[in-house]
Amino acid sequence: MLGSKRYKVTLVMVATMALVVGVACSCQKSAPPRPEEPVILMETHGTLSAVHTKLTISADGSIVYVKAEGHRLPQPGSTYTRTTWEGQLSEAELDHLLGLFDKLSFDAEGKYNAHSEIMAYGSDSFSKLSVILGGRTKTIEANYHPFHHFYELPDVPVKEIYGYLKYLVENKTEEVSREEIPI
């Protein structure tokens, strides 16, 4: 009798657990969609110019461009200005931009060296432009600020990319915020 009682209790416990797991699985909502993985990310830093920028273009074509400007030698009480622009690319514009990266010959590690001796004179800027597609990242590195100096480059494939990115930021975004931040 004791053995059959344990058997019944065990059977009820197993059935209850199966019911709870089954109800939990059937009631569980699907996970909310994750935000789109960034497709393009460009960061530029320059201490002499005291300008730092970050451009993000997501897979859905949304653009966010942030520019922080300050003083070369900040004093107590100084501020820097952070301005944000946002916009939206059409599918055709995003496809065109991504197609420009196909013109570059990236090395085995997915890097493209866009350093320039001409551009390096008098500049301490560093720029890193990455395109992320299918879980793979390809990166262009440069020793200048692409939006300020790309037009000085000889005819190289990155010139077209930088020029198009500058065009998109200037023509496809609007300023959404500007803030003075104390140092």
C-alpha atoms as a PDB file:
ATOM      1  CA  MET A   1       0.000   0.000   0.000  1.00  0.00           C
ATOM      2  CA  LEU A   2       2.806   2.371   0.939  1.00  0.00           C
ATOM      3  CA  GLY A   3       4.556   1.676  -2.390  1.00  0.00           C
ATOM      4  CA  SER A   4       1.416   2.392  -4.397  1.00  0.00           C
ATOM      5  CA  LYS A   5       0.840   5.602  -2.416  1.00  0.00           C
ATOM      6  CA  ARG A   6       4.362   6.802  -3.281  1.00  0.00           C
ATOM      7  CA  TYR A   7       3.766   5.790  -6.869  1.00  0.00           C
ATOM      8  CA  LYS A   8       0.550   7.844  -6.988  1.00  0.00           C
ATOM      9  CA  VAL A   9       2.212  10.860  -5.333  1.00  0.00           C
ATOM     10  CA  THR A  10       5.129  10.632  -7.750  1.00  0.00           C
ATOM     11  CA  LEU A  11       2.761  10.257 -10.700  1.00  0.00           C
ATOM     12  CA  VAL A  12       0.720  13.296  -9.546  1.00  0.00           C
ATOM     13  CA  MET A  13       3.918  15.338  -9.092  1.00  0.00           C
ATOM     14  CA  VAL A  14       5.212  14.401 -12.547  1.00  0.00           C
ATOM     15  CA  ALA A  15       1.830  15.158 -14.118  1.00  0.00           C
ATOM     16  CA  THR A  16       1.644  18.502 -12.287  1.00  0.00           C
ATOM     17  CA  MET A  17       5.155  19.459 -13.432  1.00  0.00           C
ATOM     18  CA  ALA A  18       4.340  18.490 -17.019  1.00  0.00           C
ATOM     19  CA  LEU A  19       1.167  20.565 -16.857  1.00  0.00           C
ATOM     20  CA  VAL A  20       3.005  23.583 -15.425  1.00  0.00           C
ATOM     21  CA  VAL A  21       5.777  23.341 -18.037  1.00  0.00           C
ATOM     22  CA  GLY A  22       3.227  22.856 -20.826  1.00  0.00           C
ATOM     23  CA  VAL A  23       1.134  25.844 -19.718  1.00  0.00           C
ATOM     24  CA  ALA A  24       4.232  27.998 -19.251  1.00  0.00           C
ATOM     25  CA  CYS A  25       5.483  27.149 -22.741  1.00  0.00           C
ATOM     26  CA  SER A  26       2.136  27.706 -24.405  1.00  0.00           C
ATOM     27  CA  CYS A  27       1.569  31.017 -22.591  1.00  0.00           C
ATOM     28  CA  GLN A  28       5.055  32.362 -23.154  1.00  0.00           C
ATOM     29  CA  LYS A  29       5.022  35.272 -25.534  1.00  0.00           C
ATOM     30  CA  SER A  30       7.567  35.354 -28.279  1.00  0.00           C
ATOM     31  CA  ALA A  31      10.569  37.466 -27.453  1.00  0.00           C
ATOM     32  CA  PRO A  32      10.269  41.073 -28.570  1.00  0.00           C
ATOM     33  CA  PRO A  33      12.231  41.791 -31.721  1.00  0.00           C
ATOM     34  CA  ARG A  34      15.771  42.941 -31.060  1.00  0.00           C
ATOM     35  CA  PRO A  35      16.798  46.362 -32.287  1.00  0.00           C
ATOM     36  CA  GLU A  36      18.414  46.244 -35.694  1.00  0.00           C
ATOM     37  CA  GLU A  37      22.112  45.505 -35.643  1.00  0.00           C
ATOM     38  CA  PRO A  38      24.079  48.579 -36.712  1.00  0.00           C
ATOM     39  CA  VAL A  39      25.179  48.246 -40.284  1.00  0.00           C
ATOM     40  CA  ILE A  40      27.591  51.189 -40.313  1.00  0.00           C
ATOM     41  CA  LEU A  41      29.443  52.718 -37.396  1.00  0.00           C
ATOM     42  CA  MET A  42      31.971  55.532 -37.770  1.00  0.00           C
ATOM     43  CA  GLU A  43      33.837  57.164 -34.894  1.00  0.00           C
ATOM     44  CA  THR A  44      36.323  59.994 -35.273  1.00  0.00           C
ATOM     45  CA  HIS A  45      38.454  61.573 -32.566  1.00  0.00           C
ATOM     46  CA  GLY A  46      40.710  64.598 -32.731  1.00  0.00           C
ATOM     47  CA  THR A  47      42.284  66.304 -29.748  1.00  0.00           C
ATOM     48  CA  LEU A  48      43.736  69.309 -31.594  1.00  0.00           C
ATOM     49  CA  SER A  49      40.425  70.046 -33.265  1.00  0.00           C
ATOM     50  CA  ALA A  50      38.522  69.105 -30.081  1.00  0.00           C
ATOM     51  CA  VAL A  51      35.868  67.404 -32.229  1.00  0.00           C
ATOM     52  CA  HIS A  52      34.580  63.886 -31.690  1.00  0.00           C
ATOM     53  CA  THR A  53      31.894  62.353 -33.894  1.00  0.00           C
ATOM     54  CA  LYS A  54      29.904  59.144 -34.016  1.00  0.00           C
ATOM     55  CA  LEU A  55      27.723  58.064 -36.919  1.00  0.00           C
ATOM     56  CA  THR A  56      25.448  55.028 -36.743  1.00  0.00           C
ATOM     57  CA  ILE A  57      23.328  53.732 -39.610  1.00  0.00           C
ATOM     58  CA  SER A  58      21.135  50.772 -38.700  1.00  0.00           C
ATOM     59  CA  ALA A  59      19.831  47.980 -40.908  1.00  0.00           C
ATOM     60  CA  ASP A  60      16.445  49.717 -41.090  1.00  0.00           C
ATOM     61  CA  GLY A  61      18.142  52.821 -42.558  1.00  0.00           C
ATOM     62  CA  SER A  62      17.883  55.007 -39.456  1.00  0.00           C
ATOM     63  CA  ILE A  63      20.773  57.459 -39.015  1.00  0.00           C
ATOM     64  CA  VAL A  64      22.086  58.962 -35.790  1.00  0.00           C
ATOM     65  CA  TYR A  65      25.008  61.391 -35.967  1.00  0.00           C
ATOM     66  CA  VAL A  66      26.459  62.874 -32.776  1.00  0.00           C
ATOM     67  CA  LYS A  67      29.100  65.590 -32.758  1.00  0.00           C
ATOM     68  CA  ALA A  68      30.844  66.808 -29.602  1.00  0.00           C
ATOM     69  CA  GLU A  69      32.880  70.014 -29.854  1.00  0.00           C
ATOM     70  CA  GLY A  70      34.841  71.750 -27.164  1.00  0.00           C
ATOM     71  CA  HIS A  71      37.949  73.768 -26.475  1.00  0.00           C
ATOM     72  CA  ARG A  72      41.427  72.510 -27.212  1.00  0.00           C
ATOM     73  CA  LEU A  73      42.537  73.524 -23.742  1.00  0.00           C
ATOM     74  CA  PRO A  74      39.427  73.530 -21.576  1.00  0.00           C
ATOM     75  CA  GLN A  75      39.382  75.845 -18.579  1.00  0.00           C
ATOM     76  CA  PRO A  76      37.392  75.355 -15.371  1.00  0.00           C
ATOM     77  CA  GLY A  77      33.800  76.267 -16.107  1.00  0.00           C
ATOM     78  CA  SER A  78      34.159  75.473 -19.815  1.00  0.00           C
ATOM     79  CA  THR A  79      31.533  73.510 -21.655  1.00  0.00           C
ATOM     80  CA  TYR A  80      31.429  71.385 -24.726  1.00  0.00           C
ATOM     81  CA  THR A  81      28.527  71.161 -27.143  1.00  0.00           C
ATOM     82  CA  ARG A  82      26.954  67.847 -28.047  1.00  0.00           C
ATOM     83  CA  THR A  83      24.662  67.981 -31.071  1.00  0.00           C
ATOM     84  CA  THR A  84      22.584  65.076 -32.360  1.00  0.00           C
ATOM     85  CA  TRP A  85      21.060  64.687 -35.802  1.00  0.00           C
ATOM     86  CA  GLU A  86      18.684  61.899 -36.834  1.00  0.00           C
ATOM     87  CA  GLY A  87      17.271  60.798 -40.156  1.00  0.00           C
ATOM     88  CA  GLN A  88      16.138  57.935 -42.340  1.00  0.00           C
ATOM     89  CA  LEU A  89      17.612  56.423 -45.494  1.00  0.00           C
ATOM     90  CA  SER A  90      15.540  54.781 -48.175  1.00  0.00           C
ATOM     91  CA  GLU A  91      16.299  51.163 -48.982  1.00  0.00           C
ATOM     92  CA  ALA A  92      17.905  52.276 -52.277  1.00  0.00           C
ATOM     93  CA  GLU A  93      20.188  54.765 -50.479  1.00  0.00           C
ATOM     94  CA  LEU A  94      21.279  52.137 -47.961  1.00  0.00           C
ATOM     95  CA  ASP A  95      21.901  49.588 -50.732  1.00  0.00           C
ATOM     96  CA  HIS A  96      23.968  52.150 -52.674  1.00  0.00           C
ATOM     97  CA  LEU A  97      26.044  52.931 -49.578  1.00  0.00           C
ATOM     98  CA  LEU A  98      26.679  49.263 -48.808  1.00  0.00           C
ATOM     99  CA  GLY A  99      27.631  48.681 -52.445  1.00  0.00           C
ATOM    100  CA  LEU A 100      30.406  51.262 -52.144  1.00  0.00           C
ATOM    101  CA  PHE A 101      32.172  49.018 -49.616  1.00  0.00           C
ATOM    102  CA  ASP A 102      32.366  46.267 -52.244  1.00  0.00           C
ATOM    103  CA  LYS A 103      34.856  48.432 -54.187  1.00  0.00           C
ATOM    104  CA  LEU A 104      37.451  48.108 -51.399  1.00  0.00           C
ATOM    105  CA  SER A 105      39.980  45.316 -51.021  1.00  0.00           C
ATOM    106  CA  PHE A 106      39.888  44.414 -47.332  1.00  0.00           C
ATOM    107  CA  ASP A 107      42.692  42.261 -45.946  1.00  0.00           C
ATOM    108  CA  ALA A 108      42.164  38.801 -44.432  1.00  0.00           C
ATOM    109  CA  GLU A 109      41.293  40.383 -41.064  1.00  0.00           C
ATOM    110  CA  GLY A 110      38.612  42.599 -42.646  1.00  0.00           C
ATOM    111  CA  LYS A 111      40.659  45.813 -42.440  1.00  0.00           C
ATOM    112  CA  TYR A 112      41.346  48.535 -44.999  1.00  0.00           C
ATOM    113  CA  ASN A 113      44.130  51.042 -44.343  1.00  0.00           C
ATOM    114  CA  ALA A 114      43.053  54.494 -45.566  1.00  0.00           C
ATOM    115  CA  HIS A 115      45.901  56.360 -43.880  1.00  0.00           C
ATOM    116  CA  SER A 116      47.308  59.204 -45.924  1.00  0.00           C
ATOM    117  CA  GLU A 117      50.640  60.986 -45.672  1.00  0.00           C
ATOM    118  CA  ILE A 118      49.085  64.069 -47.276  1.00  0.00           C
ATOM    119  CA  MET A 119      46.248  64.118 -44.754  1.00  0.00           C
ATOM    120  CA  ALA A 120      48.379  63.366 -41.713  1.00  0.00           C
ATOM    121  CA  TYR A 121      50.242  66.679 -41.836  1.00  0.00           C
ATOM    122  CA  GLY A 122      49.049  68.765 -38.885  1.00  0.00           C
ATOM    123  CA  SER A 123      46.305  66.357 -37.881  1.00  0.00           C
ATOM    124  CA  ASP A 124      45.924  64.163 -34.832  1.00  0.00           C
ATOM    125  CA  SER A 125      42.534  62.825 -35.879  1.00  0.00           C
ATOM    126  CA  PHE A 126      41.787  59.143 -36.082  1.00  0.00           C
ATOM    127  CA  SER A 127      38.757  57.655 -37.783  1.00  0.00           C
ATOM    128  CA  LYS A 128      37.360  54.154 -37.734  1.00  0.00           C
ATOM    129  CA  LEU A 129      34.520  53.248 -40.111  1.00  0.00           C
ATOM    130  CA  SER A 130      33.018  49.771 -39.805  1.00  0.00           C
ATOM    131  CA  VAL A 131      30.388  47.997 -41.847  1.00  0.00           C
ATOM    132  CA  ILE A 132      28.716  45.030 -40.158  1.00  0.00           C
ATOM    133  CA  LEU A 133      26.916  42.561 -42.390  1.00  0.00           C
ATOM    134  CA  GLY A 134      25.931  38.995 -41.643  1.00  0.00           C
ATOM    135  CA  GLY A 135      27.876  38.979 -38.402  1.00  0.00           C
ATOM    136  CA  ARG A 136      31.121  39.981 -40.181  1.00  0.00           C
ATOM    137  CA  THR A 137      32.813  43.322 -39.618  1.00  0.00           C
ATOM    138  CA  LYS A 138      34.948  45.177 -42.144  1.00  0.00           C
ATOM    139  CA  THR A 139      36.804  48.264 -40.922  1.00  0.00           C
ATOM    140  CA  ILE A 140      38.400  51.263 -42.613  1.00  0.00           C
ATOM    141  CA  GLU A 141      40.963  53.137 -40.509  1.00  0.00           C
ATOM    142  CA  ALA A 142      42.188  56.632 -41.348  1.00  0.00           C
ATOM    143  CA  ASN A 143      44.456  59.250 -39.761  1.00  0.00           C
ATOM    144  CA  TYR A 144      42.172  62.214 -40.574  1.00  0.00           C
ATOM    145  CA  HIS A 145      38.587  63.327 -40.079  1.00  0.00           C
ATOM    146  CA  PRO A 146      36.782  62.053 -43.186  1.00  0.00           C
ATOM    147  CA  PHE A 147      34.061  64.713 -43.194  1.00  0.00           C
ATOM    148  CA  HIS A 148      36.547  67.572 -42.974  1.00  0.00           C
ATOM    149  CA  HIS A 149      39.256  66.408 -45.345  1.00  0.00           C
ATOM    150  CA  PHE A 150      37.969  63.673 -47.663  1.00  0.00           C
ATOM    151  CA  TYR A 151      37.916  66.030 -50.659  1.00  0.00           C
ATOM    152  CA  GLU A 152      41.712  66.403 -50.365  1.00  0.00           C
ATOM    153  CA  LEU A 153      42.242  62.685 -50.932  1.00  0.00           C
ATOM    154  CA  PRO A 154      43.475  61.466 -54.287  1.00  0.00           C
ATOM    155  CA  ASP A 155      40.931  59.391 -56.179  1.00  0.00           C
ATOM    156  CA  VAL A 156      40.775  56.384 -53.902  1.00  0.00           C
ATOM    157  CA  PRO A 157      37.734  54.187 -53.187  1.00  0.00           C
ATOM    158  CA  VAL A 158      37.238  55.543 -49.660  1.00  0.00           C
ATOM    159  CA  LYS A 159      36.801  59.067 -51.020  1.00  0.00           C
ATOM    160  CA  GLU A 160      33.463  58.071 -52.553  1.00  0.00           C
ATOM    161  CA  ILE A 161      32.304  56.426 -49.308  1.00  0.00           C
ATOM    162  CA  TYR A 162      33.250  59.428 -47.161  1.00  0.00           C
ATOM    163  CA  GLY A 163      31.684  61.829 -49.636  1.00  0.00           C
ATOM    164  CA  TYR A 164      28.412  59.885 -49.693  1.00  0.00           C
ATOM    165  CA  LEU A 165      28.306  59.609 -45.889  1.00  0.00           C
ATOM    166  CA  LYS A 166      28.870  63.371 -45.599  1.00  0.00           C
ATOM    167  CA  TYR A 167      26.096  63.982 -48.144  1.00  0.00           C
ATOM    168  CA  LEU A 168      23.707  61.732 -46.194  1.00  0.00           C
ATOM    169  CA  VAL A 169      24.443  63.424 -42.866  1.00  0.00           C
ATOM    170  CA  GLU A 170      24.031  66.904 -44.368  1.00  0.00           C
ATOM    171  CA  ASN A 171      20.942  66.149 -46.464  1.00  0.00           C
ATOM    172  CA  LYS A 172      19.087  63.259 -44.827  1.00  0.00           C
ATOM    173  CA  THR A 173      19.219  64.239 -41.148  1.00  0.00           C
ATOM    174  CA  GLU A 174      17.791  66.971 -38.962  1.00  0.00           C
ATOM    175  CA  GLU A 175      19.128  68.342 -35.708  1.00  0.00           C
ATOM    176  CA  VAL A 176      17.123  66.893 -32.824  1.00  0.00           C
ATOM    177  CA  SER A 177      19.114  68.125 -29.832  1.00  0.00           C
ATOM    178  CA  ARG A 178      21.914  70.446 -28.800  1.00  0.00           C
ATOM    179  CA  GLU A 179      23.229  70.576 -25.270  1.00  0.00           C
ATOM    180  CA  GLU A 180      25.960  72.444 -23.459  1.00  0.00           C
ATOM    181  CA  ILE A 181      27.724  70.075 -21.084  1.00  0.00           C
ATOM    182  CA  PRO A 182      29.998  71.418 -18.326  1.00  0.00           C
ATOM    183  CA  ILE A 183      33.505  70.017 -18.220  1.00  0.00           C
END
